[in-house]
Protein backbone atom coordinates (compact mmCIF):
# COMPACT_ATOMS: atom_id res chain seq x y z
CA MET A 1 90.16 120.36 240.75
CA LYS A 2 89.79 116.45 241.49
CA ALA A 3 86.54 116.28 239.29
CA PHE A 4 88.34 117.03 236.05
CA TYR A 5 91.11 114.79 236.59
CA CYS A 6 88.23 111.81 237.26
CA VAL A 7 86.49 113.33 233.62
CA ALA A 8 89.81 113.91 232.03
CA ALA A 9 90.54 110.43 233.37
CA LEU A 10 87.58 108.54 232.24
CA PHE A 11 88.05 110.32 228.59
CA PHE A 12 91.26 108.60 228.26
CA VAL A 13 90.02 105.13 228.99
CA ALA A 14 87.05 105.46 226.77
CA LEU A 15 89.14 106.62 223.91
CA ALA A 16 92.16 104.23 224.90
CA ALA A 17 89.05 101.56 224.48
CA ALA A 18 87.49 102.24 221.38
CA PRO A 19 89.84 100.86 218.67
CA ALA A 20 90.22 98.17 220.28
CA ALA A 21 86.23 97.48 220.14
CA CYS A 22 86.01 98.79 216.81
CA SER A 23 88.97 96.23 215.08
CA SER A 24 87.61 93.64 217.01
CA ARG A 25 83.97 94.30 215.82
CA ALA A 26 85.47 94.68 212.62
CA SER A 27 86.81 90.92 211.83
CA ALA A 28 83.92 89.84 213.35
CA GLN A 29 82.24 90.49 210.33
CA SER A 30 84.40 90.28 207.62
CA ALA A 31 84.82 86.71 208.90
CA PRO A 32 83.36 84.06 206.16
CA PRO A 33 80.40 82.62 207.89
CA SER A 34 81.31 78.72 208.17
CA ALA A 35 80.02 75.71 207.00
CA ALA A 36 78.86 74.07 210.48
CA ALA A 37 76.68 77.60 210.59
CA ALA A 38 74.88 76.30 207.26
CA ALA A 39 71.19 75.30 207.78
CA PRO A 40 70.45 71.99 207.47
CA VAL A 41 68.85 70.22 204.64
CA ILE A 42 65.95 68.90 205.29
CA ILE A 43 64.31 65.15 203.86
CA HIS A 44 60.34 64.36 205.47
CA MET A 45 59.20 61.19 205.98
CA HIS A 46 55.36 61.05 205.35
CA ASP A 47 53.38 58.82 203.32
CA PHE A 48 56.10 56.08 203.73
CA MET A 49 57.89 57.62 201.71
CA PHE A 50 61.35 60.33 201.52
CA ASP A 51 60.58 63.46 200.00
CA PRO A 52 62.66 64.43 197.99
CA ASP A 53 63.67 61.26 197.00
CA SER A 54 66.95 62.73 195.69
CA VAL A 55 69.19 65.71 197.32
CA THR A 56 72.20 67.08 195.96
CA VAL A 57 74.69 68.46 198.54
CA THR A 58 78.46 69.77 199.18
CA ALA A 59 80.72 68.00 201.13
CA GLY A 60 80.41 68.72 205.25
CA THR A 61 76.40 69.42 204.15
CA THR A 62 74.07 68.09 207.14
CA VAL A 63 71.25 65.95 206.19
CA GLU A 64 68.76 65.78 208.54
CA TRP A 65 65.61 63.54 208.37
CA ASP A 66 61.76 64.34 209.99
CA ASN A 67 59.94 61.72 210.40
CA ASP A 68 56.39 62.51 209.81
CA ASP A 69 54.58 59.66 209.36
CA GLY A 70 52.38 57.72 211.78
CA ALA A 71 54.60 54.45 211.64
CA ARG A 72 58.54 53.45 212.58
CA HIS A 73 61.09 54.52 209.72
CA THR A 74 64.66 53.83 209.57
CA ILE A 75 67.47 56.16 206.98
CA THR A 76 69.83 53.07 206.53
CA ALA A 77 72.42 53.19 203.64
CA ALA A 78 72.60 50.49 201.21
CA ASP A 79 76.33 50.09 201.93
CA LYS A 80 75.48 50.35 205.54
CA SER A 81 77.98 53.79 205.86
CA PHE A 82 74.93 55.37 208.15
CA ASP A 83 72.34 53.95 209.77
CA SER A 84 69.97 55.81 211.99
CA GLY A 85 67.80 53.00 213.54
CA ASP A 86 64.10 52.97 214.28
CA LEU A 87 62.74 56.26 214.60
CA LYS A 88 59.44 56.73 215.50
CA PRO A 89 57.02 59.25 214.59
CA GLY A 90 57.75 63.26 215.05
CA GLN A 91 61.29 62.04 215.73
CA LYS A 92 64.44 63.73 213.91
CA TRP A 93 67.66 62.50 212.79
CA SER A 94 70.43 63.92 211.08
CA HIS A 95 74.06 62.93 209.42
CA VAL A 96 76.83 64.83 207.60
CA PHE A 97 78.19 63.57 204.43
CA ALA A 98 81.94 64.29 204.64
CA THR A 99 82.79 63.08 201.59
CA PRO A 100 82.11 62.94 197.88
CA GLY A 101 79.48 59.95 196.42
CA THR A 102 76.29 58.88 196.14
CA TYR A 103 74.96 57.86 199.25
CA ALA A 104 71.61 55.42 198.01
CA TYR A 105 69.23 54.60 201.15
CA SER A 106 65.84 53.11 202.40
CA CYS A 107 63.57 52.14 205.30
CA THR A 108 64.88 48.37 206.13
CA GLN A 109 61.09 47.99 207.81
CA HIS A 110 59.76 49.43 204.68
CA PRO A 111 61.81 48.43 201.71
CA GLU A 112 60.10 50.15 198.76
CA MET A 113 61.13 53.40 200.86
CA THR A 114 63.96 54.52 198.64
CA ALA A 115 66.20 57.60 197.81
CA THR A 116 69.37 59.18 197.35
CA ILE A 117 71.63 61.24 198.30
CA VAL A 118 74.62 62.77 195.93
CA VAL A 119 77.69 65.21 197.36
CA LYS A 120 79.74 66.72 195.31
C-alpha cells in the first residue's frame, strides 16, 4: 500500500509540473529574436582596401572589421565618432551603429583606404 501512495504522489507531482514546463517552452518559442542576437556585418581589410567599401545596415547593427592584410590598419570615422586604434594583422574590431546616418571612414595609416557605412 505504501508503494501505491509513493507512485501516486510521483504521478501527481509530474502532472502538476507538466503545464508549467509547457507554458515556459511555448513562451520561449514565441519570443521574437533580439537585434543583439543578429550576426554582425563583416568587413575585411585586405590588399590595402576595405571589402566591401560600402554597406547599408539598420540602426543597432554591429559591424566587425577583420584585418586580413599583412599591414596594420585603423578604422577611423571622418567625423571622429569612432576609431579602432591600431589593428595588427589578424586582429578584429567592432562597432555598434545606433544612430541613422552616413559614416565615412578611412585608415589613418593608409589614407587611400576609404569606405562608407549607411545606417537606416
